[in-house]
Amino acid sequence: MDIVITGSVAFDYLMKFPGYFRDHFLPDKLDHISLSFLVESMTVQRGGVAPNICYTLALLGGKPRLMATVGVDFENYRTYLEGRGIDTSLAQVIEGVFTASFFANTDRSNAQIASFYPGAMGYAAQLSFHDLESKPDLVVISPNDPGAMDHYVRECRALGIPYFYDPSQQLARLDPVAVRFGIENARALFVNDYELGMVERLTSMKPTDILGSVQFMVVTRGEEGSTLYTHQGEIHVPIVPGAQIVDPTGVGDAFRGGFLTGYSHAWNLELCGQMGSLAATYCLEQSGPQGHSYSPTEFVKRFRESFDDHGKLDVLCG
């Protein structure tokens, strides 16, 4: 299955401050804050929702295509992704602009001061599915520039391209009318349990209303697993037991990569959800959204410790 993943591409600059931010704020000087924190460490991690999803898809043998706007600092990241089997030919460099970046400083109490620079992501609406030589089998519309997300929805609808709608982190910025339109024309909706509440508030659509438009809806619920809402009923998918929690960053993206792998093989939704659950666990057990690594054979072996695939996953190991 030819899958195009749209969404943000970003670098995460993660710093640690060995003290407490609260000790350095003067209550009577809040209108004139001037602070600089000397940090003890900094790591730069490759991130962004779209490449995170692509990364897990590629680990499991998929050949996803990344469609996004990126900055002049993207080339090393491009080489890294291409080396892992991800097609970046649809990633367009915006001259004179840097790739979106997240700067976070965390203190000893896990309080955080952060900034996000959208950079090249702000140009994402310039990309068009009309420019593709052939229509993909499926598009994933994940968090991105809000205008671009609405643009992609409308182009997919006009061109008859099925898409999964994954507004998640951008729900706070998306226009309610755009969210409703995105859902009404999607093949499936992906959100977490909190985001589902936001969707209901923004659109007045209940799960039954959403199912009137989509084929299914996936709601992730953290340690409670996930729920797949279908026209035949609800399916609960548990988490993989015994996971060692290291870093939750990118766990939802890994879930989507695992789910999409199963979906690309036309496997039943419960199996897709179980694959997403294990893929999310691998991510949770490592630092960063792309810190996990495994072979398809290792994935299948561990999968069968918790779930029964009835032999279907053998195809991944071929």
C-alpha atoms as a PDB file:
ATOM      1  CA  MET A   1       0.000   0.000   0.000  1.00  0.00           C
ATOM      2  CA  ASP A   2       1.331   3.430  -0.986  1.00  0.00           C
ATOM      3  CA  ILE A   3       0.919   5.574   2.141  1.00  0.00           C
ATOM      4  CA  VAL A   4       1.742   9.293   2.265  1.00  0.00           C
ATOM      5  CA  ILE A   5       2.264  10.753   5.731  1.00  0.00           C
ATOM      6  CA  THR A   6       1.757  14.505   6.126  1.00  0.00           C
ATOM      7  CA  GLY A   7       2.495  16.480   9.278  1.00  0.00           C
ATOM      8  CA  SER A   8       5.137  18.343  11.197  1.00  0.00           C
ATOM      9  CA  VAL A   9       8.880  17.719  10.908  1.00  0.00           C
ATOM     10  CA  ALA A  10      10.881  19.115  13.806  1.00  0.00           C
ATOM     11  CA  PHE A  11      14.039  19.079  15.862  1.00  0.00           C
ATOM     12  CA  ASP A  12      13.676  18.829  19.644  1.00  0.00           C
ATOM     13  CA  TYR A  13      16.302  20.671  21.705  1.00  0.00           C
ATOM     14  CA  LEU A  14      15.947  19.243  25.204  1.00  0.00           C
ATOM     15  CA  MET A  15      17.846  20.839  28.100  1.00  0.00           C
ATOM     16  CA  LYS A  16      18.081  20.119  31.826  1.00  0.00           C
ATOM     17  CA  PHE A  17      18.471  22.773  34.515  1.00  0.00           C
ATOM     18  CA  PRO A  18      20.000  21.391  37.752  1.00  0.00           C
ATOM     19  CA  GLY A  19      17.957  23.679  39.992  1.00  0.00           C
ATOM     20  CA  TYR A  20      14.367  24.881  40.376  1.00  0.00           C
ATOM     21  CA  PHE A  21      12.871  27.609  38.212  1.00  0.00           C
ATOM     22  CA  ARG A  22      10.685  28.733  41.108  1.00  0.00           C
ATOM     23  CA  ASP A  23      13.752  29.872  43.065  1.00  0.00           C
ATOM     24  CA  HIS A  24      14.586  32.476  40.435  1.00  0.00           C
ATOM     25  CA  PHE A  25      11.298  34.299  39.950  1.00  0.00           C
ATOM     26  CA  LEU A  26      10.751  37.472  41.961  1.00  0.00           C
ATOM     27  CA  PRO A  27       6.999  37.973  42.563  1.00  0.00           C
ATOM     28  CA  ASP A  28       7.298  41.775  42.527  1.00  0.00           C
ATOM     29  CA  LYS A  29       9.301  41.767  39.268  1.00  0.00           C
ATOM     30  CA  LEU A  30       7.138  39.553  37.046  1.00  0.00           C
ATOM     31  CA  ASP A  31       6.434  42.448  34.694  1.00  0.00           C
ATOM     32  CA  HIS A  32      10.175  42.766  34.004  1.00  0.00           C
ATOM     33  CA  ILE A  33      11.432  39.202  33.836  1.00  0.00           C
ATOM     34  CA  SER A  34      15.023  38.859  32.630  1.00  0.00           C
ATOM     35  CA  LEU A  35      16.373  35.389  33.293  1.00  0.00           C
ATOM     36  CA  SER A  36      19.005  33.090  31.835  1.00  0.00           C
ATOM     37  CA  PHE A  37      19.453  29.515  33.040  1.00  0.00           C
ATOM     38  CA  LEU A  38      22.792  27.720  32.758  1.00  0.00           C
ATOM     39  CA  VAL A  39      21.854  24.157  31.828  1.00  0.00           C
ATOM     40  CA  GLU A  40      23.843  21.015  32.589  1.00  0.00           C
ATOM     41  CA  SER A  41      22.971  19.066  29.437  1.00  0.00           C
ATOM     42  CA  MET A  42      21.338  19.333  26.049  1.00  0.00           C
ATOM     43  CA  THR A  43      20.305  16.747  23.499  1.00  0.00           C
ATOM     44  CA  VAL A  44      19.008  17.320  19.992  1.00  0.00           C
ATOM     45  CA  GLN A  45      16.473  14.737  18.862  1.00  0.00           C
ATOM     46  CA  ARG A  46      14.894  14.175  15.489  1.00  0.00           C
ATOM     47  CA  GLY A  47      11.149  14.488  15.755  1.00  0.00           C
ATOM     48  CA  GLY A  48       7.940  15.711  14.219  1.00  0.00           C
ATOM     49  CA  VAL A  49       4.747  13.685  14.002  1.00  0.00           C
ATOM     50  CA  ALA A  50       5.097  12.726  10.326  1.00  0.00           C
ATOM     51  CA  PRO A  51       8.635  11.264  10.424  1.00  0.00           C
ATOM     52  CA  ASN A  52       7.872   9.614  13.773  1.00  0.00           C
ATOM     53  CA  ILE A  53       4.996   7.691  12.180  1.00  0.00           C
ATOM     54  CA  CYS A  54       7.131   6.913   9.122  1.00  0.00           C
ATOM     55  CA  TYR A  55       9.938   5.613  11.350  1.00  0.00           C
ATOM     56  CA  THR A  56       7.827   2.840  12.899  1.00  0.00           C
ATOM     57  CA  LEU A  57       6.238   1.976   9.552  1.00  0.00           C
ATOM     58  CA  ALA A  58       9.715   1.538   8.092  1.00  0.00           C
ATOM     59  CA  LEU A  59      10.893  -0.594  11.032  1.00  0.00           C
ATOM     60  CA  LEU A  60       8.105  -3.022  10.171  1.00  0.00           C
ATOM     61  CA  GLY A  61       8.983  -3.196   6.497  1.00  0.00           C
ATOM     62  CA  GLY A  62       6.809  -0.418   5.115  1.00  0.00           C
ATOM     63  CA  LYS A  63       7.892   2.152   2.519  1.00  0.00           C
ATOM     64  CA  PRO A  64       6.066   5.317   3.614  1.00  0.00           C
ATOM     65  CA  ARG A  65       6.369   8.615   1.796  1.00  0.00           C
ATOM     66  CA  LEU A  66       6.939  11.747   3.887  1.00  0.00           C
ATOM     67  CA  MET A  67       5.192  14.875   2.586  1.00  0.00           C
ATOM     68  CA  ALA A  68       6.146  18.040   4.466  1.00  0.00           C
ATOM     69  CA  THR A  69       7.907  21.392   4.257  1.00  0.00           C
ATOM     70  CA  VAL A  70      11.330  21.456   5.881  1.00  0.00           C
ATOM     71  CA  GLY A  71      14.154  23.939   6.390  1.00  0.00           C
ATOM     72  CA  VAL A  72      17.672  24.406   5.105  1.00  0.00           C
ATOM     73  CA  ASP A  73      18.958  22.362   8.067  1.00  0.00           C
ATOM     74  CA  PHE A  74      17.068  19.214   7.006  1.00  0.00           C
ATOM     75  CA  GLU A  75      19.623  17.432   4.818  1.00  0.00           C
ATOM     76  CA  ASN A  76      21.258  15.319   7.541  1.00  0.00           C
ATOM     77  CA  TYR A  77      17.792  14.360   8.768  1.00  0.00           C
ATOM     78  CA  ARG A  78      16.817  13.466   5.193  1.00  0.00           C
ATOM     79  CA  THR A  79      19.856  11.192   4.857  1.00  0.00           C
ATOM     80  CA  TYR A  80      18.986   9.541   8.172  1.00  0.00           C
ATOM     81  CA  LEU A  81      15.368   8.871   7.128  1.00  0.00           C
ATOM     82  CA  GLU A  82      16.282   7.645   3.642  1.00  0.00           C
ATOM     83  CA  GLY A  83      18.755   5.254   5.236  1.00  0.00           C
ATOM     84  CA  ARG A  84      15.863   3.692   7.134  1.00  0.00           C
ATOM     85  CA  GLY A  85      13.708   3.147   4.077  1.00  0.00           C
ATOM     86  CA  ILE A  86      11.585   6.300   4.209  1.00  0.00           C
ATOM     87  CA  ASP A  87      10.912   8.121   0.926  1.00  0.00           C
ATOM     88  CA  THR A  88      11.543  11.847   1.492  1.00  0.00           C
ATOM     89  CA  SER A  89      11.171  12.960  -2.120  1.00  0.00           C
ATOM     90  CA  LEU A  90       7.995  14.869  -1.192  1.00  0.00           C
ATOM     91  CA  ALA A  91       9.769  16.788   1.611  1.00  0.00           C
ATOM     92  CA  GLN A  92      10.246  20.284   0.178  1.00  0.00           C
ATOM     93  CA  VAL A  93      13.011  22.558   1.470  1.00  0.00           C
ATOM     94  CA  ILE A  94      11.971  26.179   2.088  1.00  0.00           C
ATOM     95  CA  GLU A  95      14.998  28.338   1.355  1.00  0.00           C
ATOM     96  CA  GLY A  96      16.121  30.766   4.045  1.00  0.00           C
ATOM     97  CA  VAL A  97      14.035  29.084   6.751  1.00  0.00           C
ATOM     98  CA  PHE A  98      14.896  26.526   9.429  1.00  0.00           C
ATOM     99  CA  THR A  99      12.990  23.320  10.154  1.00  0.00           C
ATOM    100  CA  ALA A 100      10.418  23.619  12.946  1.00  0.00           C
ATOM    101  CA  SER A 101      12.096  23.372  16.345  1.00  0.00           C
ATOM    102  CA  PHE A 102      11.017  22.719  19.925  1.00  0.00           C
ATOM    103  CA  PHE A 103      13.189  24.163  22.705  1.00  0.00           C
ATOM    104  CA  ALA A 104      12.489  22.809  26.185  1.00  0.00           C
ATOM    105  CA  ASN A 105      14.291  23.440  29.482  1.00  0.00           C
ATOM    106  CA  THR A 106      13.275  21.156  32.355  1.00  0.00           C
ATOM    107  CA  ASP A 107      14.213  21.654  36.013  1.00  0.00           C
ATOM    108  CA  ARG A 108      14.615  19.156  38.867  1.00  0.00           C
ATOM    109  CA  SER A 109      10.876  19.178  39.643  1.00  0.00           C
ATOM    110  CA  ASN A 110      10.019  18.502  35.962  1.00  0.00           C
ATOM    111  CA  ALA A 111       8.727  22.046  35.562  1.00  0.00           C
ATOM    112  CA  GLN A 112       9.310  23.098  31.984  1.00  0.00           C
ATOM    113  CA  ILE A 113       9.856  26.327  30.073  1.00  0.00           C
ATOM    114  CA  ALA A 114       9.544  25.768  26.350  1.00  0.00           C
ATOM    115  CA  SER A 115       9.268  27.527  23.012  1.00  0.00           C
ATOM    116  CA  PHE A 116       8.165  26.235  19.600  1.00  0.00           C
ATOM    117  CA  TYR A 117       9.391  27.737  16.349  1.00  0.00           C
ATOM    118  CA  PRO A 118       7.152  26.628  13.433  1.00  0.00           C
ATOM    119  CA  GLY A 119       9.685  27.611  10.764  1.00  0.00           C
ATOM    120  CA  ALA A 120       9.210  25.723   7.518  1.00  0.00           C
ATOM    121  CA  MET A 121       6.023  24.087   8.795  1.00  0.00           C
ATOM    122  CA  GLY A 122       4.275  27.401   8.172  1.00  0.00           C
ATOM    123  CA  TYR A 123       4.658  26.827   4.423  1.00  0.00           C
ATOM    124  CA  ALA A 124       3.056  23.376   4.356  1.00  0.00           C
ATOM    125  CA  ALA A 125      -0.056  24.596   2.528  1.00  0.00           C
ATOM    126  CA  GLN A 126       2.132  25.178  -0.533  1.00  0.00           C
ATOM    127  CA  LEU A 127       2.296  21.415  -1.097  1.00  0.00           C
ATOM    128  CA  SER A 128      -0.427  19.887  -3.224  1.00  0.00           C
ATOM    129  CA  PHE A 129      -1.626  16.381  -3.989  1.00  0.00           C
ATOM    130  CA  HIS A 130      -2.391  17.627  -7.476  1.00  0.00           C
ATOM    131  CA  ASP A 131       1.376  17.674  -8.072  1.00  0.00           C
ATOM    132  CA  LEU A 132       1.848  13.960  -7.368  1.00  0.00           C
ATOM    133  CA  GLU A 133       2.419  11.742 -10.394  1.00  0.00           C
ATOM    134  CA  SER A 134       0.028   9.109  -9.014  1.00  0.00           C
ATOM    135  CA  LYS A 135      -2.586   9.086  -6.300  1.00  0.00           C
ATOM    136  CA  PRO A 136      -1.552   7.305  -3.082  1.00  0.00           C
ATOM    137  CA  ASP A 137      -3.690   4.526  -1.633  1.00  0.00           C
ATOM    138  CA  LEU A 138      -3.946   6.335   1.689  1.00  0.00           C
ATOM    139  CA  VAL A 139      -2.963   9.673   3.234  1.00  0.00           C
ATOM    140  CA  VAL A 140      -2.473  10.430   6.921  1.00  0.00           C
ATOM    141  CA  ILE A 141      -3.269  14.037   7.817  1.00  0.00           C
ATOM    142  CA  SER A 142      -1.491  14.548  11.135  1.00  0.00           C
ATOM    143  CA  PRO A 143      -0.714  17.745  13.133  1.00  0.00           C
ATOM    144  CA  ASN A 144       0.727  20.440  10.916  1.00  0.00           C
ATOM    145  CA  ASP A 145       0.086  24.046   9.988  1.00  0.00           C
ATOM    146  CA  PRO A 146      -3.718  24.383  10.489  1.00  0.00           C
ATOM    147  CA  GLY A 147      -4.256  25.886   7.054  1.00  0.00           C
ATOM    148  CA  ALA A 148      -2.314  23.051   5.454  1.00  0.00           C
ATOM    149  CA  MET A 149      -4.367  20.421   7.263  1.00  0.00           C
ATOM    150  CA  ASP A 150      -7.610  21.900   5.957  1.00  0.00           C
ATOM    151  CA  HIS A 151      -6.044  22.248   2.496  1.00  0.00           C
ATOM    152  CA  TYR A 152      -5.069  18.550   2.434  1.00  0.00           C
ATOM    153  CA  VAL A 153      -8.545  17.471   3.556  1.00  0.00           C
ATOM    154  CA  ARG A 154     -10.152  19.384   0.717  1.00  0.00           C
ATOM    155  CA  GLU A 155      -7.689  18.120  -1.882  1.00  0.00           C
ATOM    156  CA  CYS A 156      -8.083  14.498  -0.771  1.00  0.00           C
ATOM    157  CA  ARG A 157     -11.852  14.873  -0.958  1.00  0.00           C
ATOM    158  CA  ALA A 158     -11.688  16.448  -4.434  1.00  0.00           C
ATOM    159  CA  LEU A 159      -9.263  13.804  -5.732  1.00  0.00           C
ATOM    160  CA  GLY A 160     -11.019  10.852  -4.103  1.00  0.00           C
ATOM    161  CA  ILE A 161      -7.994   9.933  -1.963  1.00  0.00           C
ATOM    162  CA  PRO A 162      -8.912   8.175   1.309  1.00  0.00           C
ATOM    163  CA  TYR A 163      -7.301   9.662   4.399  1.00  0.00           C
ATOM    164  CA  PHE A 164      -6.964   9.110   8.133  1.00  0.00           C
ATOM    165  CA  TYR A 165      -7.649  12.316  10.079  1.00  0.00           C
ATOM    166  CA  ASP A 166      -5.342  12.835  13.063  1.00  0.00           C
ATOM    167  CA  PRO A 167      -5.763  16.437  14.308  1.00  0.00           C
ATOM    168  CA  SER A 168      -4.584  15.701  17.890  1.00  0.00           C
ATOM    169  CA  GLN A 169      -2.190  18.441  19.100  1.00  0.00           C
ATOM    170  CA  GLN A 170      -3.591  21.040  16.710  1.00  0.00           C
ATOM    171  CA  LEU A 171      -7.194  20.811  17.919  1.00  0.00           C
ATOM    172  CA  ALA A 172      -6.676  23.925  20.025  1.00  0.00           C
ATOM    173  CA  ARG A 173      -5.836  25.925  16.880  1.00  0.00           C
ATOM    174  CA  LEU A 174      -8.083  24.348  14.251  1.00  0.00           C
ATOM    175  CA  ASP A 175     -11.343  26.005  13.283  1.00  0.00           C
ATOM    176  CA  PRO A 176     -14.326  23.938  14.532  1.00  0.00           C
ATOM    177  CA  VAL A 177     -15.862  23.972  11.044  1.00  0.00           C
ATOM    178  CA  ALA A 178     -12.595  22.613   9.600  1.00  0.00           C
ATOM    179  CA  VAL A 179     -12.441  19.858  12.235  1.00  0.00           C
ATOM    180  CA  ARG A 180     -15.988  18.761  11.490  1.00  0.00           C
ATOM    181  CA  PHE A 181     -15.336  18.811   7.741  1.00  0.00           C
ATOM    182  CA  GLY A 182     -12.138  16.823   8.253  1.00  0.00           C
ATOM    183  CA  ILE A 183     -14.003  14.149  10.199  1.00  0.00           C
ATOM    184  CA  GLU A 184     -17.011  13.968   7.898  1.00  0.00           C
ATOM    185  CA  ASN A 185     -14.843  13.154   4.873  1.00  0.00           C
ATOM    186  CA  ALA A 186     -12.287  10.877   6.559  1.00  0.00           C
ATOM    187  CA  ARG A 187     -11.985   7.115   6.428  1.00  0.00           C
ATOM    188  CA  ALA A 188     -10.950   7.070  10.106  1.00  0.00           C
ATOM    189  CA  LEU A 189     -10.323   9.410  13.030  1.00  0.00           C
ATOM    190  CA  PHE A 190      -7.375   9.057  15.436  1.00  0.00           C
ATOM    191  CA  VAL A 191      -7.360  10.880  18.804  1.00  0.00           C
ATOM    192  CA  ASN A 192      -6.557  10.239  22.450  1.00  0.00           C
ATOM    193  CA  ASP A 193      -9.251  10.270  25.113  1.00  0.00           C
ATOM    194  CA  TYR A 194      -8.690  13.931  26.034  1.00  0.00           C
ATOM    195  CA  GLU A 195      -8.710  14.987  22.388  1.00  0.00           C
ATOM    196  CA  LEU A 196     -11.980  13.131  21.856  1.00  0.00           C
ATOM    197  CA  GLY A 197     -13.490  15.424  24.483  1.00  0.00           C
ATOM    198  CA  MET A 198     -12.133  18.422  22.603  1.00  0.00           C
ATOM    199  CA  VAL A 199     -13.622  17.113  19.344  1.00  0.00           C
ATOM    200  CA  GLU A 200     -17.003  16.736  21.029  1.00  0.00           C
ATOM    201  CA  ARG A 201     -16.809  20.282  22.411  1.00  0.00           C
ATOM    202  CA  LEU A 202     -15.666  21.815  19.123  1.00  0.00           C
ATOM    203  CA  THR A 203     -18.065  19.995  16.804  1.00  0.00           C
ATOM    204  CA  SER A 204     -20.904  18.787  19.081  1.00  0.00           C
ATOM    205  CA  MET A 205     -20.295  15.347  17.538  1.00  0.00           C
ATOM    206  CA  LYS A 206     -20.613  12.318  19.802  1.00  0.00           C
ATOM    207  CA  PRO A 207     -18.874   9.014  18.956  1.00  0.00           C
ATOM    208  CA  THR A 208     -22.095   7.775  17.344  1.00  0.00           C
ATOM    209  CA  ASP A 209     -22.190  10.903  15.166  1.00  0.00           C
ATOM    210  CA  ILE A 210     -18.550  10.439  14.174  1.00  0.00           C
ATOM    211  CA  LEU A 211     -19.203   6.829  13.203  1.00  0.00           C
ATOM    212  CA  GLY A 212     -21.907   8.109  10.905  1.00  0.00           C
ATOM    213  CA  SER A 213     -19.111   9.553   8.760  1.00  0.00           C
ATOM    214  CA  VAL A 214     -15.999   7.405   9.266  1.00  0.00           C
ATOM    215  CA  GLN A 215     -15.449   3.663   8.934  1.00  0.00           C
ATOM    216  CA  PHE A 216     -13.869   3.530  12.385  1.00  0.00           C
ATOM    217  CA  MET A 217     -12.369   5.674  15.148  1.00  0.00           C
ATOM    218  CA  VAL A 218      -9.283   4.922  17.255  1.00  0.00           C
ATOM    219  CA  VAL A 219      -9.018   6.433  20.739  1.00  0.00           C
ATOM    220  CA  THR A 220      -5.793   5.856  22.673  1.00  0.00           C
ATOM    221  CA  ARG A 221      -6.093   5.915  26.472  1.00  0.00           C
ATOM    222  CA  GLY A 222      -2.564   5.718  27.847  1.00  0.00           C
ATOM    223  CA  GLU A 223      -2.109   2.935  30.403  1.00  0.00           C
ATOM    224  CA  GLU A 224      -5.711   1.877  29.804  1.00  0.00           C
ATOM    225  CA  GLY A 225      -4.918   0.801  26.260  1.00  0.00           C
ATOM    226  CA  SER A 226      -7.036   1.911  23.328  1.00  0.00           C
ATOM    227  CA  THR A 227     -10.606   1.645  22.091  1.00  0.00           C
ATOM    228  CA  LEU A 228     -11.558   1.001  18.482  1.00  0.00           C
ATOM    229  CA  TYR A 229     -15.049   2.247  17.645  1.00  0.00           C
ATOM    230  CA  THR A 230     -16.533   0.405  14.670  1.00  0.00           C
ATOM    231  CA  HIS A 231     -19.967  -0.047  13.127  1.00  0.00           C
ATOM    232  CA  GLN A 232     -20.002  -3.543  14.648  1.00  0.00           C
ATOM    233  CA  GLY A 233     -19.215  -2.337  18.172  1.00  0.00           C
ATOM    234  CA  GLU A 234     -16.282  -1.346  20.381  1.00  0.00           C
ATOM    235  CA  ILE A 235     -13.002  -3.247  20.597  1.00  0.00           C
ATOM    236  CA  HIS A 236     -10.726  -2.785  23.608  1.00  0.00           C
ATOM    237  CA  VAL A 237      -7.003  -3.274  23.034  1.00  0.00           C
ATOM    238  CA  PRO A 238      -4.890  -3.555  26.213  1.00  0.00           C
ATOM    239  CA  ILE A 239      -1.359  -2.309  26.656  1.00  0.00           C
ATOM    240  CA  VAL A 240       1.542  -4.738  26.525  1.00  0.00           C
ATOM    241  CA  PRO A 241       2.313  -5.821  30.112  1.00  0.00           C
ATOM    242  CA  GLY A 242       5.709  -5.360  31.710  1.00  0.00           C
ATOM    243  CA  ALA A 243       6.771  -2.243  29.833  1.00  0.00           C
ATOM    244  CA  GLN A 244       9.623  -0.238  31.363  1.00  0.00           C
ATOM    245  CA  ILE A 245       8.611   3.425  31.101  1.00  0.00           C
ATOM    246  CA  VAL A 246      11.481   5.670  30.016  1.00  0.00           C
ATOM    247  CA  ASP A 247       9.989   8.448  27.875  1.00  0.00           C
ATOM    248  CA  PRO A 248       6.421   8.913  26.556  1.00  0.00           C
ATOM    249  CA  THR A 249       7.498  11.246  23.737  1.00  0.00           C
ATOM    250  CA  GLY A 250       6.228   9.973  20.389  1.00  0.00           C
ATOM    251  CA  VAL A 251       4.323   6.993  21.816  1.00  0.00           C
ATOM    252  CA  GLY A 252       1.123   7.951  19.987  1.00  0.00           C
ATOM    253  CA  ASP A 253       3.028   8.301  16.713  1.00  0.00           C
ATOM    254  CA  ALA A 254       4.555   4.838  17.158  1.00  0.00           C
ATOM    255  CA  PHE A 255       1.064   3.439  17.824  1.00  0.00           C
ATOM    256  CA  ARG A 256      -0.106   4.884  14.515  1.00  0.00           C
ATOM    257  CA  GLY A 257       2.886   3.398  12.691  1.00  0.00           C
ATOM    258  CA  GLY A 258       2.122  -0.060  14.084  1.00  0.00           C
ATOM    259  CA  PHE A 259      -1.595   0.278  13.337  1.00  0.00           C
ATOM    260  CA  LEU A 260      -0.933   1.425   9.784  1.00  0.00           C
ATOM    261  CA  THR A 261       1.330  -1.556   9.182  1.00  0.00           C
ATOM    262  CA  GLY A 262      -1.496  -3.924   9.987  1.00  0.00           C
ATOM    263  CA  TYR A 263      -3.971  -1.842   8.006  1.00  0.00           C
ATOM    264  CA  SER A 264      -1.708  -1.879   4.942  1.00  0.00           C
ATOM    265  CA  HIS A 265      -1.918  -5.686   5.003  1.00  0.00           C
ATOM    266  CA  ALA A 266      -5.738  -5.533   5.220  1.00  0.00           C
ATOM    267  CA  TRP A 267      -5.726  -7.253   8.637  1.00  0.00           C
ATOM    268  CA  ASN A 268      -8.655  -6.896  11.041  1.00  0.00           C
ATOM    269  CA  LEU A 269      -8.816  -3.774  13.180  1.00  0.00           C
ATOM    270  CA  GLU A 270      -8.207  -5.590  16.461  1.00  0.00           C
ATOM    271  CA  LEU A 271      -4.918  -6.979  15.129  1.00  0.00           C
ATOM    272  CA  CYS A 272      -4.007  -3.511  13.839  1.00  0.00           C
ATOM    273  CA  GLY A 273      -4.674  -2.065  17.290  1.00  0.00           C
ATOM    274  CA  GLN A 274      -2.584  -4.755  18.963  1.00  0.00           C
ATOM    275  CA  MET A 275       0.307  -3.997  16.611  1.00  0.00           C
ATOM    276  CA  GLY A 276      -0.055  -0.341  17.516  1.00  0.00           C
ATOM    277  CA  SER A 277       0.004  -1.230  21.199  1.00  0.00           C
ATOM    278  CA  LEU A 278       3.304  -3.103  20.919  1.00  0.00           C
ATOM    279  CA  ALA A 279       4.883  -0.455  18.680  1.00  0.00           C
ATOM    280  CA  ALA A 280       3.934   2.172  21.275  1.00  0.00           C
ATOM    281  CA  THR A 281       5.521   0.045  24.016  1.00  0.00           C
ATOM    282  CA  TYR A 282       8.827  -0.161  22.178  1.00  0.00           C
ATOM    283  CA  CYS A 283       8.850   3.647  21.901  1.00  0.00           C
ATOM    284  CA  LEU A 284       7.906   4.095  25.579  1.00  0.00           C
ATOM    285  CA  GLU A 285      10.876   1.993  26.657  1.00  0.00           C
ATOM    286  CA  GLN A 286      13.462   4.247  24.974  1.00  0.00           C
ATOM    287  CA  SER A 287      14.334   7.934  25.042  1.00  0.00           C
ATOM    288  CA  GLY A 288      12.966  10.073  22.238  1.00  0.00           C
ATOM    289  CA  PRO A 289      10.365   9.463  19.535  1.00  0.00           C
ATOM    290  CA  GLN A 290      12.807   7.532  17.313  1.00  0.00           C
ATOM    291  CA  GLY A 291      15.009   5.905  19.940  1.00  0.00           C
ATOM    292  CA  HIS A 292      13.466   2.445  19.582  1.00  0.00           C
ATOM    293  CA  SER A 293      14.727  -0.159  17.146  1.00  0.00           C
ATOM    294  CA  TYR A 294      13.864  -3.778  16.356  1.00  0.00           C
ATOM    295  CA  SER A 295      13.667  -6.184  13.464  1.00  0.00           C
ATOM    296  CA  PRO A 296      10.309  -7.456  12.202  1.00  0.00           C
ATOM    297  CA  THR A 297      11.255 -10.888  13.551  1.00  0.00           C
ATOM    298  CA  GLU A 298      11.876  -9.460  17.034  1.00  0.00           C
ATOM    299  CA  PHE A 299       8.586  -7.585  16.863  1.00  0.00           C
ATOM    300  CA  VAL A 300       6.626 -10.712  15.905  1.00  0.00           C
ATOM    301  CA  LYS A 301       8.240 -12.809  18.632  1.00  0.00           C
ATOM    302  CA  ARG A 302       7.368 -10.280  21.326  1.00  0.00           C
ATOM    303  CA  PHE A 303       3.895  -9.737  19.869  1.00  0.00           C
ATOM    304  CA  ARG A 304       3.080 -13.407  20.346  1.00  0.00           C
ATOM    305  CA  GLU A 305       3.942 -13.174  24.028  1.00  0.00           C
ATOM    306  CA  SER A 306       0.833 -11.008  24.527  1.00  0.00           C
ATOM    307  CA  PHE A 307      -1.450 -11.484  21.504  1.00  0.00           C
ATOM    308  CA  ASP A 308      -2.499 -14.120  18.972  1.00  0.00           C
ATOM    309  CA  ASP A 309      -2.057 -13.147  15.330  1.00  0.00           C
ATOM    310  CA  HIS A 310      -3.074 -16.614  14.018  1.00  0.00           C
ATOM    311  CA  GLY A 311       0.137 -16.698  11.991  1.00  0.00           C
ATOM    312  CA  LYS A 312      -0.610 -13.564   9.953  1.00  0.00           C
ATOM    313  CA  LEU A 313       2.498 -11.681  11.073  1.00  0.00           C
ATOM    314  CA  ASP A 314       4.747 -14.292   9.487  1.00  0.00           C
ATOM    315  CA  VAL A 315       4.610 -12.205   6.318  1.00  0.00           C
ATOM    316  CA  LEU A 316       6.566  -9.443   8.100  1.00  0.00           C
ATOM    317  CA  CYS A 317       9.505 -11.777   8.611  1.00  0.00           C
ATOM    318  CA  GLY A 318       9.786 -12.870   4.998  1.00  0.00           C
END
